[in-house]
Amino acid sequence: MTKPKLFALSTCVHCAKVKELLISLNVDFDTLYVDRLAGDERNHRMRELKGYNPEISFPTLVVGDQVVIGAKEQRIREILLGE
């Protein structure tokens, strides 16, 4: 499985909830706080996010070819743990 990628905002409580869930599940993942990026890096990440989630909402979790938009704990568990 490819390393999950969490697109988040540093001030978003739902993003923090997903991050806490991933940590509690011992998942190795990358967090991209889009609001902390600037210039070309921010533009690049926003285009990347739009490819996964055209509405550009947060949190957006990308796990391989699957995308979870929002803090949907059960769906995240299904994808990561097969629950």
N, C-alpha and C. Protein backbone atom coordinates (compact mmCIF):
# COMPACT_ATOMS: atom_id res chain seq x y z
N MET A 1 0.85 -1.18 0.00
CA MET A 1 0.00 0.00 0.00
C MET A 1 0.89 1.24 0.00
N THR A 2 0.51 2.23 -0.79
CA THR A 2 1.26 3.47 -0.79
C THR A 2 0.96 4.24 0.49
N LYS A 3 1.87 5.08 0.86
CA LYS A 3 1.73 5.87 2.08
C LYS A 3 0.55 6.83 1.94
N PRO A 4 -0.42 6.76 2.87
CA PRO A 4 -1.55 7.68 2.80
C PRO A 4 -1.09 9.14 2.90
N LYS A 5 -1.88 10.00 2.26
CA LYS A 5 -1.59 11.43 2.24
C LYS A 5 -2.83 12.17 2.73
N LEU A 6 -2.65 12.99 3.77
CA LEU A 6 -3.74 13.76 4.34
C LEU A 6 -3.57 15.23 3.96
N PHE A 7 -4.51 15.73 3.16
CA PHE A 7 -4.55 17.15 2.84
C PHE A 7 -5.38 17.81 3.93
N ALA A 8 -4.81 18.79 4.63
CA ALA A 8 -5.46 19.36 5.80
C ALA A 8 -5.19 20.84 5.92
N LEU A 9 -5.95 21.45 6.82
CA LEU A 9 -5.70 22.83 7.24
C LEU A 9 -5.29 22.77 8.71
N SER A 10 -4.34 23.57 9.08
CA SER A 10 -3.81 23.52 10.45
C SER A 10 -4.83 23.93 11.50
N THR A 11 -5.88 24.65 11.12
CA THR A 11 -6.89 25.11 12.07
C THR A 11 -8.18 24.28 12.03
N CYS A 12 -8.20 23.23 11.25
CA CYS A 12 -9.42 22.43 11.02
C CYS A 12 -9.56 21.32 12.07
N VAL A 13 -10.65 21.36 12.84
CA VAL A 13 -10.86 20.34 13.87
C VAL A 13 -11.12 18.96 13.25
N HIS A 14 -11.77 18.92 12.11
CA HIS A 14 -12.03 17.64 11.45
C HIS A 14 -10.73 17.03 10.92
N CYS A 15 -9.85 17.88 10.44
CA CYS A 15 -8.54 17.41 9.99
C CYS A 15 -7.76 16.81 11.16
N ALA A 16 -7.80 17.49 12.30
CA ALA A 16 -7.11 17.00 13.49
C ALA A 16 -7.68 15.66 13.93
N LYS A 17 -8.99 15.50 13.80
CA LYS A 17 -9.64 14.24 14.18
C LYS A 17 -9.14 13.09 13.29
N VAL A 18 -9.03 13.33 11.99
CA VAL A 18 -8.54 12.29 11.09
C VAL A 18 -7.08 11.99 11.40
N LYS A 19 -6.29 13.01 11.64
CA LYS A 19 -4.87 12.80 11.96
C LYS A 19 -4.73 11.97 13.24
N GLU A 20 -5.52 12.29 14.26
CA GLU A 20 -5.49 11.52 15.51
C GLU A 20 -5.88 10.07 15.27
N LEU A 21 -6.88 9.85 14.42
CA LEU A 21 -7.30 8.48 14.10
C LEU A 21 -6.16 7.71 13.44
N LEU A 22 -5.52 8.32 12.46
CA LEU A 22 -4.41 7.66 11.76
C LEU A 22 -3.28 7.32 12.72
N ILE A 23 -2.98 8.23 13.62
CA ILE A 23 -1.93 7.99 14.62
C ILE A 23 -2.34 6.83 15.53
N SER A 24 -3.60 6.82 15.97
CA SER A 24 -4.07 5.75 16.86
C SER A 24 -4.05 4.39 16.18
N LEU A 25 -4.17 4.37 14.86
CA LEU A 25 -4.12 3.12 14.10
C LEU A 25 -2.70 2.74 13.69
N ASN A 26 -1.72 3.53 14.14
CA ASN A 26 -0.30 3.30 13.81
C ASN A 26 -0.05 3.30 12.31
N VAL A 27 -0.70 4.22 11.60
CA VAL A 27 -0.53 4.35 10.16
C VAL A 27 0.57 5.36 9.87
N ASP A 28 1.50 4.98 9.02
CA ASP A 28 2.54 5.90 8.57
C ASP A 28 1.95 6.71 7.42
N PHE A 29 1.83 8.02 7.59
CA PHE A 29 1.17 8.87 6.60
C PHE A 29 1.86 10.22 6.53
N ASP A 30 1.59 10.94 5.46
CA ASP A 30 2.09 12.31 5.29
C ASP A 30 0.94 13.28 5.47
N THR A 31 1.19 14.37 6.17
CA THR A 31 0.20 15.42 6.31
C THR A 31 0.69 16.64 5.55
N LEU A 32 -0.20 17.18 4.72
CA LEU A 32 0.12 18.41 3.99
C LEU A 32 -0.83 19.49 4.48
N TYR A 33 -0.30 20.40 5.29
CA TYR A 33 -1.09 21.53 5.75
C TYR A 33 -1.05 22.60 4.67
N VAL A 34 -2.04 22.60 3.84
CA VAL A 34 -2.07 23.47 2.66
C VAL A 34 -2.00 24.94 3.05
N ASP A 35 -2.61 25.31 4.19
CA ASP A 35 -2.60 26.71 4.62
C ASP A 35 -1.22 27.18 5.09
N ARG A 36 -0.31 26.27 5.29
CA ARG A 36 1.04 26.64 5.72
C ARG A 36 2.02 26.70 4.55
N LEU A 37 1.54 26.36 3.36
CA LEU A 37 2.39 26.40 2.17
C LEU A 37 2.26 27.75 1.49
N ALA A 38 3.25 28.06 0.64
CA ALA A 38 3.21 29.34 -0.07
C ALA A 38 3.74 29.15 -1.49
N GLY A 39 3.40 30.09 -2.33
CA GLY A 39 3.95 30.16 -3.68
C GLY A 39 3.67 28.94 -4.52
N ASP A 40 4.71 28.52 -5.25
CA ASP A 40 4.58 27.40 -6.18
C ASP A 40 4.21 26.09 -5.48
N GLU A 41 4.76 25.87 -4.29
CA GLU A 41 4.45 24.64 -3.55
C GLU A 41 2.96 24.59 -3.21
N ARG A 42 2.41 25.70 -2.76
CA ARG A 42 0.98 25.75 -2.45
C ARG A 42 0.14 25.52 -3.71
N ASN A 43 0.50 26.20 -4.79
CA ASN A 43 -0.23 26.04 -6.05
C ASN A 43 -0.19 24.59 -6.53
N HIS A 44 0.98 23.97 -6.45
CA HIS A 44 1.14 22.58 -6.86
C HIS A 44 0.24 21.66 -6.03
N ARG A 45 0.26 21.84 -4.71
CA ARG A 45 -0.53 20.98 -3.82
C ARG A 45 -2.03 21.21 -4.00
N MET A 46 -2.43 22.45 -4.28
CA MET A 46 -3.85 22.72 -4.52
C MET A 46 -4.32 22.06 -5.81
N ARG A 47 -3.48 22.07 -6.85
CA ARG A 47 -3.83 21.37 -8.09
C ARG A 47 -3.91 19.86 -7.85
N GLU A 48 -2.96 19.35 -7.08
CA GLU A 48 -2.97 17.92 -6.73
C GLU A 48 -4.25 17.57 -5.97
N LEU A 49 -4.60 18.37 -4.98
CA LEU A 49 -5.81 18.15 -4.19
C LEU A 49 -7.05 18.19 -5.08
N LYS A 50 -7.11 19.16 -5.98
CA LYS A 50 -8.27 19.29 -6.87
C LYS A 50 -8.45 18.05 -7.74
N GLY A 51 -7.36 17.38 -8.08
CA GLY A 51 -7.45 16.14 -8.84
C GLY A 51 -8.14 15.03 -8.05
N TYR A 52 -7.98 15.04 -6.75
CA TYR A 52 -8.62 14.04 -5.88
C TYR A 52 -10.02 14.49 -5.43
N ASN A 53 -10.15 15.79 -5.21
CA ASN A 53 -11.36 16.34 -4.62
C ASN A 53 -11.65 17.69 -5.30
N PRO A 54 -12.43 17.68 -6.38
CA PRO A 54 -12.68 18.90 -7.14
C PRO A 54 -13.29 20.05 -6.31
N GLU A 55 -13.92 19.72 -5.20
CA GLU A 55 -14.51 20.77 -4.36
C GLU A 55 -13.48 21.40 -3.41
N ILE A 56 -12.29 20.81 -3.35
CA ILE A 56 -11.20 21.32 -2.52
C ILE A 56 -11.67 21.56 -1.09
N SER A 57 -12.14 20.49 -0.44
CA SER A 57 -12.56 20.60 0.95
C SER A 57 -11.62 19.77 1.82
N PHE A 58 -11.68 20.03 3.11
CA PHE A 58 -10.75 19.41 4.05
C PHE A 58 -11.52 18.75 5.18
N PRO A 59 -10.97 17.66 5.69
CA PRO A 59 -9.79 16.93 5.26
C PRO A 59 -10.07 16.07 4.03
N THR A 60 -9.02 15.82 3.28
CA THR A 60 -9.07 14.87 2.17
C THR A 60 -7.93 13.88 2.39
N LEU A 61 -8.29 12.62 2.53
CA LEU A 61 -7.31 11.56 2.76
C LEU A 61 -7.21 10.71 1.49
N VAL A 62 -6.00 10.54 1.00
CA VAL A 62 -5.76 9.74 -0.19
C VAL A 62 -4.97 8.50 0.23
N VAL A 63 -5.58 7.33 -0.06
CA VAL A 63 -4.94 6.05 0.24
C VAL A 63 -4.93 5.25 -1.05
N GLY A 64 -3.78 5.22 -1.72
CA GLY A 64 -3.71 4.55 -3.00
C GLY A 64 -4.64 5.23 -3.99
N ASP A 65 -5.59 4.46 -4.53
CA ASP A 65 -6.54 5.02 -5.48
C ASP A 65 -7.88 5.37 -4.83
N GLN A 66 -7.91 5.34 -3.50
CA GLN A 66 -9.14 5.65 -2.78
C GLN A 66 -9.01 7.01 -2.09
N VAL A 67 -10.13 7.73 -2.07
CA VAL A 67 -10.15 9.07 -1.47
C VAL A 67 -11.29 9.14 -0.48
N VAL A 68 -10.99 9.67 0.71
CA VAL A 68 -12.02 9.90 1.72
C VAL A 68 -12.06 11.39 1.98
N ILE A 69 -13.22 11.98 1.75
CA ILE A 69 -13.41 13.41 1.97
C ILE A 69 -14.21 13.58 3.25
N GLY A 70 -13.62 14.27 4.20
CA GLY A 70 -14.29 14.46 5.49
C GLY A 70 -13.75 13.49 6.53
N ALA A 71 -14.23 13.67 7.75
CA ALA A 71 -13.77 12.84 8.88
C ALA A 71 -14.66 11.61 9.01
N LYS A 72 -14.58 10.73 8.04
CA LYS A 72 -15.42 9.53 7.99
C LYS A 72 -14.64 8.35 8.57
N GLU A 73 -14.70 8.25 9.89
CA GLU A 73 -13.89 7.26 10.59
C GLU A 73 -14.12 5.83 10.09
N GLN A 74 -15.37 5.43 9.94
CA GLN A 74 -15.65 4.05 9.52
C GLN A 74 -15.08 3.76 8.13
N ARG A 75 -15.22 4.70 7.22
CA ARG A 75 -14.67 4.51 5.87
C ARG A 75 -13.15 4.41 5.90
N ILE A 76 -12.53 5.23 6.71
CA ILE A 76 -11.07 5.19 6.84
C ILE A 76 -10.63 3.84 7.39
N ARG A 77 -11.34 3.36 8.39
CA ARG A 77 -11.02 2.04 8.96
C ARG A 77 -11.21 0.94 7.93
N GLU A 78 -12.26 1.02 7.12
CA GLU A 78 -12.51 0.03 6.08
C GLU A 78 -11.34 -0.04 5.10
N ILE A 79 -10.89 1.13 4.67
CA ILE A 79 -9.81 1.18 3.69
C ILE A 79 -8.49 0.68 4.28
N LEU A 80 -8.18 1.14 5.48
CA LEU A 80 -6.88 0.82 6.07
C LEU A 80 -6.82 -0.54 6.75
N LEU A 81 -7.93 -0.96 7.35
CA LEU A 81 -7.91 -2.19 8.15
C LEU A 81 -8.81 -3.29 7.61
N GLY A 82 -9.60 -2.96 6.60
CA GLY A 82 -10.53 -3.94 6.06
C GLY A 82 -11.69 -4.24 7.00
N GLU A 83 -11.98 -3.30 7.90
CA GLU A 83 -13.09 -3.51 8.86
C GLU A 83 -14.43 -3.26 8.22
